[in-house]
Amino acid sequence: MKLVAKLLVALVANAAALFAAAYFVKDFNLNVTVQSVIFLAAILTLLNLFPKPILKLILGPLIVLTLGLGLILVNMVILYILDTISPDLTIVGIVPLLYSAIIIGLVNFVFHFATKK
């Protein structure tokens, strides 16, 4: 039950992060319907659960050399995958991808910090 609650909180946090990125980043276009945002947040949650740790492992030396800034690259790759999978999300350019990766990464960091015991 604890895992289900944590996944639901992650889903809500990712939905809030997508809304924040759509609000603050100019070329981050999000189809703002409840159904599409929940679908995108669910995909983002799954991408954060499965391929993100693998990318962190592969890019581990780069993350260490850049003192953690390589995590932004990992978040950019995850968002790029989400952009290619879903027609409800369009990110135009590298700079909006970078800014949205920073925003979503900060929201995920706060979420993980808040849910740890």
PDB file of N, CA and C in Angstrom:
ATOM      1  N   MET A   1       0.811  -1.185   0.000  1.00  0.00           N
ATOM      2  CA  MET A   1       0.000   0.000   0.000  1.00  0.00           C
ATOM      3  C   MET A   1       0.863   1.260   0.000  1.00  0.00           C
ATOM      4  N   LYS A   2       2.006   1.176   0.659  1.00  0.00           N
ATOM      5  CA  LYS A   2       2.912   2.306   0.719  1.00  0.00           C
ATOM      6  C   LYS A   2       3.460   2.644  -0.669  1.00  0.00           C
ATOM      7  N   LEU A   3       3.726   1.615  -1.466  1.00  0.00           N
ATOM      8  CA  LEU A   3       4.239   1.818  -2.819  1.00  0.00           C
ATOM      9  C   LEU A   3       3.190   2.480  -3.712  1.00  0.00           C
ATOM     10  N   VAL A   4       1.941   2.068  -3.572  1.00  0.00           N
ATOM     11  CA  VAL A   4       0.861   2.649  -4.373  1.00  0.00           C
ATOM     12  C   VAL A   4       0.680   4.121  -4.018  1.00  0.00           C
ATOM     13  N   ALA A   5       0.748   4.440  -2.731  1.00  0.00           N
ATOM     14  CA  ALA A   5       0.609   5.835  -2.305  1.00  0.00           C
ATOM     15  C   ALA A   5       1.766   6.673  -2.836  1.00  0.00           C
ATOM     16  N   LYS A   6       2.974   6.128  -2.808  1.00  0.00           N
ATOM     17  CA  LYS A   6       4.132   6.855  -3.315  1.00  0.00           C
ATOM     18  C   LYS A   6       4.023   7.070  -4.826  1.00  0.00           C
ATOM     19  N   LEU A   7       3.511   6.071  -5.544  1.00  0.00           N
ATOM     20  CA  LEU A   7       3.323   6.227  -6.988  1.00  0.00           C
ATOM     21  C   LEU A   7       2.257   7.267  -7.307  1.00  0.00           C
ATOM     22  N   LEU A   8       1.201   7.308  -6.516  1.00  0.00           N
ATOM     23  CA  LEU A   8       0.162   8.318  -6.741  1.00  0.00           C
ATOM     24  C   LEU A   8       0.685   9.721  -6.456  1.00  0.00           C
ATOM     25  N   VAL A   9       1.491   9.865  -5.422  1.00  0.00           N
ATOM     26  CA  VAL A   9       2.087  11.169  -5.127  1.00  0.00           C
ATOM     27  C   VAL A   9       3.071  11.556  -6.235  1.00  0.00           C
ATOM     28  N   ALA A  10       3.815  10.587  -6.757  1.00  0.00           N
ATOM     29  CA  ALA A  10       4.727  10.854  -7.872  1.00  0.00           C
ATOM     30  C   ALA A  10       3.953  11.285  -9.111  1.00  0.00           C
ATOM     31  N   LEU A  11       2.812  10.661  -9.334  1.00  0.00           N
ATOM     32  CA  LEU A  11       1.967  11.016 -10.466  1.00  0.00           C
ATOM     33  C   LEU A  11       1.484  12.459 -10.342  1.00  0.00           C
ATOM     34  N   VAL A  12       1.030  12.840  -9.167  1.00  0.00           N
ATOM     35  CA  VAL A  12       0.567  14.210  -8.938  1.00  0.00           C
ATOM     36  C   VAL A  12       1.731  15.195  -9.056  1.00  0.00           C
ATOM     37  N   ALA A  13       2.900  14.826  -8.532  1.00  0.00           N
ATOM     38  CA  ALA A  13       4.069  15.707  -8.615  1.00  0.00           C
ATOM     39  C   ALA A  13       4.507  15.892 -10.069  1.00  0.00           C
ATOM     40  N   ASN A  14       4.473  14.825 -10.853  1.00  0.00           N
ATOM     41  CA  ASN A  14       4.841  14.948 -12.262  1.00  0.00           C
ATOM     42  C   ASN A  14       3.824  15.767 -13.039  1.00  0.00           C
ATOM     43  N   ALA A  15       2.548  15.644 -12.696  1.00  0.00           N
ATOM     44  CA  ALA A  15       1.528  16.467 -13.346  1.00  0.00           C
ATOM     45  C   ALA A  15       1.753  17.946 -13.015  1.00  0.00           C
ATOM     46  N   ALA A  16       2.064  18.219 -11.752  1.00  0.00           N
ATOM     47  CA  ALA A  16       2.343  19.603 -11.358  1.00  0.00           C
ATOM     48  C   ALA A  16       3.604  20.128 -12.048  1.00  0.00           C
ATOM     49  N   ALA A  17       4.601  19.269 -12.204  1.00  0.00           N
ATOM     50  CA  ALA A  17       5.835  19.672 -12.885  1.00  0.00           C
ATOM     51  C   ALA A  17       5.574  19.967 -14.361  1.00  0.00           C
ATOM     52  N   LEU A  18       4.729  19.172 -14.996  1.00  0.00           N
ATOM     53  CA  LEU A  18       4.390  19.426 -16.393  1.00  0.00           C
ATOM     54  C   LEU A  18       3.632  20.742 -16.537  1.00  0.00           C
ATOM     55  N   PHE A  19       2.704  21.012 -15.613  1.00  0.00           N
ATOM     56  CA  PHE A  19       1.988  22.290 -15.627  1.00  0.00           C
ATOM     57  C   PHE A  19       2.954  23.454 -15.416  1.00  0.00           C
ATOM     58  N   ALA A  20       3.895  23.300 -14.489  1.00  0.00           N
ATOM     59  CA  ALA A  20       4.855  24.362 -14.215  1.00  0.00           C
ATOM     60  C   ALA A  20       5.743  24.619 -15.429  1.00  0.00           C
ATOM     61  N   ALA A  21       6.196  23.555 -16.069  1.00  0.00           N
ATOM     62  CA  ALA A  21       7.036  23.723 -17.255  1.00  0.00           C
ATOM     63  C   ALA A  21       6.247  24.370 -18.388  1.00  0.00           C
ATOM     64  N   ALA A  22       4.990  23.992 -18.541  1.00  0.00           N
ATOM     65  CA  ALA A  22       4.157  24.598 -19.586  1.00  0.00           C
ATOM     66  C   ALA A  22       3.899  26.071 -19.289  1.00  0.00           C
ATOM     67  N   TYR A  23       3.822  26.432 -18.028  1.00  0.00           N
ATOM     68  CA  TYR A  23       3.556  27.820 -17.655  1.00  0.00           C
ATOM     69  C   TYR A  23       4.800  28.698 -17.815  1.00  0.00           C
ATOM     70  N   PHE A  24       5.968  28.193 -17.407  1.00  0.00           N
ATOM     71  CA  PHE A  24       7.164  29.013 -17.378  1.00  0.00           C
ATOM     72  C   PHE A  24       7.994  28.976 -18.654  1.00  0.00           C
ATOM     73  N   VAL A  25       7.940  27.895 -19.412  1.00  0.00           N
ATOM     74  CA  VAL A  25       8.788  27.751 -20.599  1.00  0.00           C
ATOM     75  C   VAL A  25       7.946  28.046 -21.835  1.00  0.00           C
ATOM     76  N   LYS A  26       8.468  28.929 -22.672  1.00  0.00           N
ATOM     77  CA  LYS A  26       7.698  29.439 -23.799  1.00  0.00           C
ATOM     78  C   LYS A  26       7.357  28.370 -24.835  1.00  0.00           C
ATOM     79  N   ASP A  27       8.317  27.607 -25.303  1.00  0.00           N
ATOM     80  CA  ASP A  27       8.084  26.634 -26.380  1.00  0.00           C
ATOM     81  C   ASP A  27       7.821  25.221 -25.868  1.00  0.00           C
ATOM     82  N   PHE A  28       7.329  25.107 -24.670  1.00  0.00           N
ATOM     83  CA  PHE A  28       6.906  23.834 -24.084  1.00  0.00           C
ATOM     84  C   PHE A  28       5.391  23.801 -24.190  1.00  0.00           C
ATOM     85  N   ASN A  29       4.890  23.157 -25.244  1.00  0.00           N
ATOM     86  CA  ASN A  29       3.457  23.162 -25.539  1.00  0.00           C
ATOM     87  C   ASN A  29       2.824  21.877 -25.023  1.00  0.00           C
ATOM     88  N   LEU A  30       1.844  22.053 -24.162  1.00  0.00           N
ATOM     89  CA  LEU A  30       1.171  20.939 -23.522  1.00  0.00           C
ATOM     90  C   LEU A  30      -0.316  21.026 -23.822  1.00  0.00           C
ATOM     91  N   ASN A  31      -0.892  19.918 -24.269  1.00  0.00           N
ATOM     92  CA  ASN A  31      -2.326  19.846 -24.470  1.00  0.00           C
ATOM     93  C   ASN A  31      -2.971  19.757 -23.089  1.00  0.00           C
ATOM     94  N   VAL A  32      -3.582  20.856 -22.656  1.00  0.00           N
ATOM     95  CA  VAL A  32      -4.034  20.955 -21.274  1.00  0.00           C
ATOM     96  C   VAL A  32      -5.477  20.457 -21.131  1.00  0.00           C
ATOM     97  N   THR A  33      -5.617  19.146 -21.167  1.00  0.00           N
ATOM     98  CA  THR A  33      -6.858  18.512 -20.747  1.00  0.00           C
ATOM     99  C   THR A  33      -6.497  17.574 -19.608  1.00  0.00           C
ATOM    100  N   VAL A  34      -7.425  17.329 -18.746  1.00  0.00           N
ATOM    101  CA  VAL A  34      -7.143  16.510 -17.561  1.00  0.00           C
ATOM    102  C   VAL A  34      -6.668  15.122 -17.978  1.00  0.00           C
ATOM    103  N   GLN A  35      -7.329  14.556 -18.965  1.00  0.00           N
ATOM    104  CA  GLN A  35      -6.988  13.208 -19.405  1.00  0.00           C
ATOM    105  C   GLN A  35      -5.573  13.151 -19.995  1.00  0.00           C
ATOM    106  N   SER A  36      -5.206  14.133 -20.810  1.00  0.00           N
ATOM    107  CA  SER A  36      -3.878  14.103 -21.430  1.00  0.00           C
ATOM    108  C   SER A  36      -2.778  14.365 -20.415  1.00  0.00           C
ATOM    109  N   VAL A  37      -3.031  15.251 -19.438  1.00  0.00           N
ATOM    110  CA  VAL A  37      -2.011  15.531 -18.432  1.00  0.00           C
ATOM    111  C   VAL A  37      -1.803  14.325 -17.524  1.00  0.00           C
ATOM    112  N   ILE A  38      -2.871  13.644 -17.158  1.00  0.00           N
ATOM    113  CA  ILE A  38      -2.738  12.432 -16.340  1.00  0.00           C
ATOM    114  C   ILE A  38      -1.983  11.355 -17.117  1.00  0.00           C
ATOM    115  N   PHE A  39      -2.291  11.223 -18.413  1.00  0.00           N
ATOM    116  CA  PHE A  39      -1.595  10.250 -19.257  1.00  0.00           C
ATOM    117  C   PHE A  39      -0.110  10.588 -19.358  1.00  0.00           C
ATOM    118  N   LEU A  40       0.216  11.864 -19.605  1.00  0.00           N
ATOM    119  CA  LEU A  40       1.620  12.276 -19.682  1.00  0.00           C
ATOM    120  C   LEU A  40       2.341  12.106 -18.349  1.00  0.00           C
ATOM    121  N   ALA A  41       1.665  12.429 -17.253  1.00  0.00           N
ATOM    122  CA  ALA A  41       2.280  12.265 -15.930  1.00  0.00           C
ATOM    123  C   ALA A  41       2.530  10.795 -15.624  1.00  0.00           C
ATOM    124  N   ALA A  42       1.616   9.921 -16.057  1.00  0.00           N
ATOM    125  CA  ALA A  42       1.817   8.484 -15.849  1.00  0.00           C
ATOM    126  C   ALA A  42       3.008   7.979 -16.657  1.00  0.00           C
ATOM    127  N   ILE A  43       3.127   8.427 -17.905  1.00  0.00           N
ATOM    128  CA  ILE A  43       4.269   8.012 -18.726  1.00  0.00           C
ATOM    129  C   ILE A  43       5.567   8.549 -18.130  1.00  0.00           C
ATOM    130  N   LEU A  44       5.544   9.803 -17.682  1.00  0.00           N
ATOM    131  CA  LEU A  44       6.745  10.389 -17.077  1.00  0.00           C
ATOM    132  C   LEU A  44       7.130   9.653 -15.794  1.00  0.00           C
ATOM    133  N   THR A  45       6.149   9.251 -15.013  1.00  0.00           N
ATOM    134  CA  THR A  45       6.426   8.478 -13.802  1.00  0.00           C
ATOM    135  C   THR A  45       7.066   7.142 -14.155  1.00  0.00           C
ATOM    136  N   LEU A  46       6.543   6.471 -15.173  1.00  0.00           N
ATOM    137  CA  LEU A  46       7.125   5.193 -15.599  1.00  0.00           C
ATOM    138  C   LEU A  46       8.531   5.385 -16.163  1.00  0.00           C
ATOM    139  N   LEU A  47       8.750   6.465 -16.905  1.00  0.00           N
ATOM    140  CA  LEU A  47      10.090   6.737 -17.426  1.00  0.00           C
ATOM    141  C   LEU A  47      11.070   7.048 -16.301  1.00  0.00           C
ATOM    142  N   ASN A  48      10.581   7.691 -15.243  1.00  0.00           N
ATOM    143  CA  ASN A  48      11.448   7.966 -14.093  1.00  0.00           C
ATOM    144  C   ASN A  48      11.739   6.701 -13.287  1.00  0.00           C
ATOM    145  N   LEU A  49      10.852   5.720 -13.365  1.00  0.00           N
ATOM    146  CA  LEU A  49      11.061   4.481 -12.610  1.00  0.00           C
ATOM    147  C   LEU A  49      12.005   3.504 -13.309  1.00  0.00           C
ATOM    148  N   PHE A  50      11.900   3.376 -14.629  1.00  0.00           N
ATOM    149  CA  PHE A  50      12.643   2.311 -15.301  1.00  0.00           C
ATOM    150  C   PHE A  50      13.872   2.782 -16.092  1.00  0.00           C
ATOM    151  N   PRO A  51      13.744   3.592 -17.130  1.00  0.00           N
ATOM    152  CA  PRO A  51      14.971   3.906 -17.884  1.00  0.00           C
ATOM    153  C   PRO A  51      15.876   4.950 -17.217  1.00  0.00           C
ATOM    154  N   LYS A  52      15.334   5.803 -16.345  1.00  0.00           N
ATOM    155  CA  LYS A  52      16.160   6.838 -15.725  1.00  0.00           C
ATOM    156  C   LYS A  52      17.296   6.265 -14.867  1.00  0.00           C
ATOM    157  N   PRO A  53      17.057   5.246 -14.033  1.00  0.00           N
ATOM    158  CA  PRO A  53      18.196   4.675 -13.288  1.00  0.00           C
ATOM    159  C   PRO A  53      19.247   4.036 -14.199  1.00  0.00           C
ATOM    160  N   ILE A  54      18.810   3.476 -15.313  1.00  0.00           N
ATOM    161  CA  ILE A  54      19.762   2.891 -16.259  1.00  0.00           C
ATOM    162  C   ILE A  54      20.606   3.988 -16.899  1.00  0.00           C
ATOM    163  N   LEU A  55      19.977   5.098 -17.278  1.00  0.00           N
ATOM    164  CA  LEU A  55      20.724   6.230 -17.829  1.00  0.00           C
ATOM    165  C   LEU A  55      21.688   6.814 -16.803  1.00  0.00           C
ATOM    166  N   LYS A  56      21.265   6.872 -15.540  1.00  0.00           N
ATOM    167  CA  LYS A  56      22.157   7.363 -14.491  1.00  0.00           C
ATOM    168  C   LYS A  56      23.374   6.454 -14.333  1.00  0.00           C
ATOM    169  N   LEU A  57      23.151   5.162 -14.463  1.00  0.00           N
ATOM    170  CA  LEU A  57      24.258   4.211 -14.352  1.00  0.00           C
ATOM    171  C   LEU A  57      25.219   4.358 -15.526  1.00  0.00           C
ATOM    172  N   ILE A  58      24.678   4.488 -16.726  1.00  0.00           N
ATOM    173  CA  ILE A  58      25.523   4.623 -17.912  1.00  0.00           C
ATOM    174  C   ILE A  58      26.287   5.943 -17.892  1.00  0.00           C
ATOM    175  N   LEU A  59      25.607   7.013 -17.523  1.00  0.00           N
ATOM    176  CA  LEU A  59      26.224   8.337 -17.520  1.00  0.00           C
ATOM    177  C   LEU A  59      26.830   8.703 -16.165  1.00  0.00           C
ATOM    178  N   GLY A  60      27.040   7.719 -15.308  1.00  0.00           N
ATOM    179  CA  GLY A  60      27.595   7.950 -13.980  1.00  0.00           C
ATOM    180  C   GLY A  60      28.904   8.714 -13.960  1.00  0.00           C
ATOM    181  N   PRO A  61      29.891   8.325 -14.789  1.00  0.00           N
ATOM    182  CA  PRO A  61      31.148   9.097 -14.786  1.00  0.00           C
ATOM    183  C   PRO A  61      30.957  10.556 -15.201  1.00  0.00           C
ATOM    184  N   LEU A  62      30.070  10.813 -16.162  1.00  0.00           N
ATOM    185  CA  LEU A  62      29.798  12.190 -16.572  1.00  0.00           C
ATOM    186  C   LEU A  62      29.118  12.972 -15.454  1.00  0.00           C
ATOM    187  N   ILE A  63      28.224  12.312 -14.744  1.00  0.00           N
ATOM    188  CA  ILE A  63      27.537  12.970 -13.627  1.00  0.00           C
ATOM    189  C   ILE A  63      28.540  13.324 -12.528  1.00  0.00           C
ATOM    190  N   VAL A  64      29.473  12.432 -12.260  1.00  0.00           N
ATOM    191  CA  VAL A  64      30.495  12.694 -11.236  1.00  0.00           C
ATOM    192  C   VAL A  64      31.432  13.807 -11.689  1.00  0.00           C
ATOM    193  N   LEU A  65      31.867  13.782 -12.956  1.00  0.00           N
ATOM    194  CA  LEU A  65      32.786  14.798 -13.459  1.00  0.00           C
ATOM    195  C   LEU A  65      32.162  16.190 -13.476  1.00  0.00           C
ATOM    196  N   THR A  66      30.875  16.264 -13.708  1.00  0.00           N
ATOM    197  CA  THR A  66      30.208  17.567 -13.751  1.00  0.00           C
ATOM    198  C   THR A  66      29.598  17.944 -12.406  1.00  0.00           C
ATOM    199  N   LEU A  67      29.917  17.188 -11.376  1.00  0.00           N
ATOM    200  CA  LEU A  67      29.444  17.436 -10.015  1.00  0.00           C
ATOM    201  C   LEU A  67      27.919  17.466  -9.931  1.00  0.00           C
ATOM    202  N   GLY A  68      27.283  16.573 -10.666  1.00  0.00           N
ATOM    203  CA  GLY A  68      25.838  16.428 -10.599  1.00  0.00           C
ATOM    204  C   GLY A  68      25.072  17.130 -11.700  1.00  0.00           C
ATOM    205  N   LEU A  69      25.723  18.005 -12.445  1.00  0.00           N
ATOM    206  CA  LEU A  69      25.012  18.699 -13.516  1.00  0.00           C
ATOM    207  C   LEU A  69      24.663  17.774 -14.682  1.00  0.00           C
ATOM    208  N   GLY A  70      25.291  16.618 -14.747  1.00  0.00           N
ATOM    209  CA  GLY A  70      24.947  15.631 -15.772  1.00  0.00           C
ATOM    210  C   GLY A  70      23.540  15.075 -15.594  1.00  0.00           C
ATOM    211  N   LEU A  71      22.986  15.239 -14.400  1.00  0.00           N
ATOM    212  CA  LEU A  71      21.602  14.804 -14.175  1.00  0.00           C
ATOM    213  C   LEU A  71      20.619  15.603 -15.022  1.00  0.00           C
ATOM    214  N   ILE A  72      20.983  16.840 -15.357  1.00  0.00           N
ATOM    215  CA  ILE A  72      20.135  17.633 -16.244  1.00  0.00           C
ATOM    216  C   ILE A  72      20.082  16.980 -17.617  1.00  0.00           C
ATOM    217  N   LEU A  73      21.204  16.424 -18.066  1.00  0.00           N
ATOM    218  CA  LEU A  73      21.230  15.708 -19.345  1.00  0.00           C
ATOM    219  C   LEU A  73      20.337  14.472 -19.298  1.00  0.00           C
ATOM    220  N   VAL A  74      20.353  13.775 -18.179  1.00  0.00           N
ATOM    221  CA  VAL A  74      19.491  12.600 -18.020  1.00  0.00           C
ATOM    222  C   VAL A  74      18.024  13.023 -18.081  1.00  0.00           C
ATOM    223  N   ASN A  75      17.675  14.110 -17.397  1.00  0.00           N
ATOM    224  CA  ASN A  75      16.305  14.607 -17.431  1.00  0.00           C
ATOM    225  C   ASN A  75      15.918  15.076 -18.830  1.00  0.00           C
ATOM    226  N   MET A  76      16.856  15.654 -19.565  1.00  0.00           N
ATOM    227  CA  MET A  76      16.580  16.068 -20.935  1.00  0.00           C
ATOM    228  C   MET A  76      16.283  14.867 -21.826  1.00  0.00           C
ATOM    229  N   VAL A  77      17.030  13.790 -21.636  1.00  0.00           N
ATOM    230  CA  VAL A  77      16.790  12.582 -22.428  1.00  0.00           C
ATOM    231  C   VAL A  77      15.412  12.004 -22.108  1.00  0.00           C
ATOM    232  N   ILE A  78      15.049  11.973 -20.838  1.00  0.00           N
ATOM    233  CA  ILE A  78      13.733  11.464 -20.443  1.00  0.00           C
ATOM    234  C   ILE A  78      12.622  12.316 -21.043  1.00  0.00           C
ATOM    235  N   LEU A  79      12.777  13.640 -21.001  1.00  0.00           N
ATOM    236  CA  LEU A  79      11.765  14.517 -21.591  1.00  0.00           C
ATOM    237  C   LEU A  79      11.711  14.386 -23.108  1.00  0.00           C
ATOM    238  N   TYR A  80      12.853  14.179 -23.736  1.00  0.00           N
ATOM    239  CA  TYR A  80      12.867  13.983 -25.187  1.00  0.00           C
ATOM    240  C   TYR A  80      12.129  12.697 -25.556  1.00  0.00           C
ATOM    241  N   ILE A  81      12.328  11.651 -24.776  1.00  0.00           N
ATOM    242  CA  ILE A  81      11.599  10.395 -25.011  1.00  0.00           C
ATOM    243  C   ILE A  81      10.098  10.628 -24.838  1.00  0.00           C
ATOM    244  N   LEU A  82       9.721  11.367 -23.798  1.00  0.00           N
ATOM    245  CA  LEU A  82       8.311  11.676 -23.576  1.00  0.00           C
ATOM    246  C   LEU A  82       7.745  12.501 -24.729  1.00  0.00           C
ATOM    247  N   ASP A  83       8.544  13.424 -25.250  1.00  0.00           N
ATOM    248  CA  ASP A  83       8.107  14.243 -26.372  1.00  0.00           C
ATOM    249  C   ASP A  83       7.890  13.410 -27.627  1.00  0.00           C
ATOM    250  N   THR A  84       8.752  12.440 -27.867  1.00  0.00           N
ATOM    251  CA  THR A  84       8.598  11.608 -29.062  1.00  0.00           C
ATOM    252  C   THR A  84       7.465  10.598 -28.925  1.00  0.00           C
ATOM    253  N   ILE A  85       7.190  10.168 -27.708  1.00  0.00           N
ATOM    254  CA  ILE A  85       6.123   9.177 -27.495  1.00  0.00           C
ATOM    255  C   ILE A  85       4.745   9.806 -27.633  1.00  0.00           C
ATOM    256  N   SER A  86       4.555  10.987 -27.067  1.00  0.00           N
ATOM    257  CA  SER A  86       3.215  11.544 -26.922  1.00  0.00           C
ATOM    258  C   SER A  86       2.948  12.679 -27.912  1.00  0.00           C
ATOM    259  N   PRO A  87       1.795  12.657 -28.549  1.00  0.00           N
ATOM    260  CA  PRO A  87       1.420  13.787 -29.413  1.00  0.00           C
ATOM    261  C   PRO A  87       0.871  14.977 -28.623  1.00  0.00           C
ATOM    262  N   ASP A  88       0.593  14.793 -27.325  1.00  0.00           N
ATOM    263  CA  ASP A  88       0.045  15.871 -26.502  1.00  0.00           C
ATOM    264  C   ASP A  88       1.105  16.827 -25.983  1.00  0.00           C
ATOM    265  N   LEU A  89       2.372  16.502 -26.208  1.00  0.00           N
ATOM    266  CA  LEU A  89       3.467  17.331 -25.728  1.00  0.00           C
ATOM    267  C   LEU A  89       4.382  17.664 -26.898  1.00  0.00           C
ATOM    268  N   THR A  90       4.713  18.954 -27.022  1.00  0.00           N
ATOM    269  CA  THR A  90       5.631  19.390 -28.057  1.00  0.00           C
ATOM    270  C   THR A  90       6.648  20.332 -27.434  1.00  0.00           C
ATOM    271  N   ILE A  91       7.922  19.968 -27.568  1.00  0.00           N
ATOM    272  CA  ILE A  91       9.001  20.820 -27.081  1.00  0.00           C
ATOM    273  C   ILE A  91       9.788  21.257 -28.308  1.00  0.00           C
ATOM    274  N   VAL A  92       9.826  22.570 -28.549  1.00  0.00           N
ATOM    275  CA  VAL A  92      10.446  23.107 -29.756  1.00  0.00           C
ATOM    276  C   VAL A  92      11.808  23.683 -29.388  1.00  0.00           C
ATOM    277  N   GLY A  93      12.861  22.936 -29.673  1.00  0.00           N
ATOM    278  CA  GLY A  93      14.212  23.442 -29.459  1.00  0.00           C
ATOM    279  C   GLY A  93      14.900  22.859 -28.239  1.00  0.00           C
ATOM    280  N   ILE A  94      16.208  23.111 -28.196  1.00  0.00           N
ATOM    281  CA  ILE A  94      17.048  22.587 -27.117  1.00  0.00           C
ATOM    282  C   ILE A  94      16.900  23.431 -25.843  1.00  0.00           C
ATOM    283  N   VAL A  95      16.815  24.732 -25.990  1.00  0.00           N
ATOM    284  CA  VAL A  95      16.740  25.601 -24.811  1.00  0.00           C
ATOM    285  C   VAL A  95      15.458  25.356 -24.022  1.00  0.00           C
ATOM    286  N   PRO A  96      14.287  25.268 -24.658  1.00  0.00           N
ATOM    287  CA  PRO A  96      13.093  24.916 -23.869  1.00  0.00           C
ATOM    288  C   PRO A  96      13.192  23.521 -23.247  1.00  0.00           C
ATOM    289  N   LEU A  97      13.860  22.604 -23.933  1.00  0.00           N
ATOM    290  CA  LEU A  97      14.071  21.273 -23.369  1.00  0.00           C
ATOM    291  C   LEU A  97      14.942  21.364 -22.121  1.00  0.00           C
ATOM    292  N   LEU A  98      15.978  22.194 -22.174  1.00  0.00           N
ATOM    293  CA  LEU A  98      16.857  22.384 -21.017  1.00  0.00           C
ATOM    294  C   LEU A  98      16.109  23.016 -19.848  1.00  0.00           C
ATOM    295  N   TYR A  99      15.379  24.093 -20.117  1.00  0.00           N
ATOM    296  CA  TYR A  99      14.642  24.766 -19.046  1.00  0.00           C
ATOM    297  C   TYR A  99      13.572  23.867 -18.427  1.00  0.00           C
ATOM    298  N   SER A 100      12.856  23.147 -19.275  1.00  0.00           N
ATOM    299  CA  SER A 100      11.815  22.267 -18.740  1.00  0.00           C
ATOM    300  C   SER A 100      12.425  21.095 -17.973  1.00  0.00           C
ATOM    301  N   ALA A 101      13.590  20.606 -18.404  1.00  0.00           N
ATOM    302  CA  ALA A 101      14.262  19.537 -17.666  1.00  0.00           C
ATOM    303  C   ALA A 101      14.699  20.023 -16.291  1.00  0.00           C
ATOM    304  N   ILE A 102      15.143  21.276 -16.203  1.00  0.00           N
ATOM    305  CA  ILE A 102      15.540  21.831 -14.912  1.00  0.00           C
ATOM    306  C   ILE A 102      14.323  21.965 -13.996  1.00  0.00           C
ATOM    307  N   ILE A 103      13.217  22.470 -14.531  1.00  0.00           N
ATOM    308  CA  ILE A 103      12.004  22.651 -13.721  1.00  0.00           C
ATOM    309  C   ILE A 103      11.476  21.313 -13.231  1.00  0.00           C
ATOM    310  N   ILE A 104      11.364  20.343 -14.147  1.00  0.00           N
ATOM    311  CA  ILE A 104      10.824  19.035 -13.773  1.00  0.00           C
ATOM    312  C   ILE A 104      11.790  18.305 -12.840  1.00  0.00           C
ATOM    313  N   GLY A 105      13.084  18.471 -13.060  1.00  0.00           N
ATOM    314  CA  GLY A 105      14.066  17.877 -12.159  1.00  0.00           C
ATOM    315  C   GLY A 105      13.983  18.452 -10.755  1.00  0.00           C
ATOM    316  N   LEU A 106      13.769  19.767 -10.641  1.00  0.00           N
ATOM    317  CA  LEU A 106      13.622  20.381  -9.322  1.00  0.00           C
ATOM    318  C   LEU A 106      12.367  19.890  -8.607  1.00  0.00           C
ATOM    319  N   VAL A 107      11.273  19.776  -9.351  1.00  0.00           N
ATOM    320  CA  VAL A 107      10.040  19.272  -8.735  1.00  0.00           C
ATOM    321  C   VAL A 107      10.226  17.825  -8.286  1.00  0.00           C
ATOM    322  N   ASN A 108      10.881  16.999  -9.099  1.00  0.00           N
ATOM    323  CA  ASN A 108      11.131  15.611  -8.709  1.00  0.00           C
ATOM    324  C   ASN A 108      12.073  15.528  -7.509  1.00  0.00           C
ATOM    325  N   PHE A 109      13.058  16.436  -7.444  1.00  0.00           N
ATOM    326  CA  PHE A 109      13.962  16.460  -6.301  1.00  0.00           C
ATOM    327  C   PHE A 109      13.208  16.781  -5.018  1.00  0.00           C
ATOM    328  N   VAL A 110      12.341  17.781  -5.075  1.00  0.00           N
ATOM    329  CA  VAL A 110      11.540  18.145  -3.906  1.00  0.00           C
ATOM    330  C   VAL A 110      10.627  16.991  -3.506  1.00  0.00           C
ATOM    331  N   PHE A 111      10.036  16.318  -4.512  1.00  0.00           N
ATOM    332  CA  PHE A 111       9.181  15.167  -4.229  1.00  0.00           C
ATOM    333  C   PHE A 111       9.956  14.058  -3.517  1.00  0.00           C
ATOM    334  N   HIS A 112      11.134  13.719  -4.022  1.00  0.00           N
ATOM    335  CA  HIS A 112      11.917  12.645  -3.391  1.00  0.00           C
ATOM    336  C   HIS A 112      12.408  13.059  -1.997  1.00  0.00           C
ATOM    337  N   PHE A 113      12.737  14.322  -1.849  1.00  0.00           N
ATOM    338  CA  PHE A 113      13.157  14.799  -0.541  1.00  0.00           C
ATOM    339  C   PHE A 113      12.012  14.761   0.469  1.00  0.00           C
ATOM    340  N   ALA A 114      10.813  15.082   0.007  1.00  0.00           N
ATOM    341  CA  ALA A 114       9.650  15.120   0.900  1.00  0.00           C
ATOM    342  C   ALA A 114       9.136  13.729   1.264  1.00  0.00           C
ATOM    343  N   THR A 115       9.327  12.741   0.389  1.00  0.00           N
ATOM    344  CA  THR A 115       8.800  11.419   0.662  1.00  0.00           C
ATOM    345  C   THR A 115       9.788  10.492   1.351  1.00  0.00           C
ATOM    346  N   LYS A 116      11.033  10.928   1.540  1.00  0.00           N
ATOM    347  CA  LYS A 116      11.980  10.098   2.274  1.00  0.00           C
ATOM    348  C   LYS A 116      11.693  10.185   3.758  1.00  0.00           C
ATOM    349  N   LYS A 117      12.032   9.108   4.446  1.00  0.00           N
ATOM    350  CA  LYS A 117      11.846   9.107   5.906  1.00  0.00           C
ATOM    351  C   LYS A 117      13.093   9.578   6.587  1.00  0.00           C
TER     352      LYS A 117
END
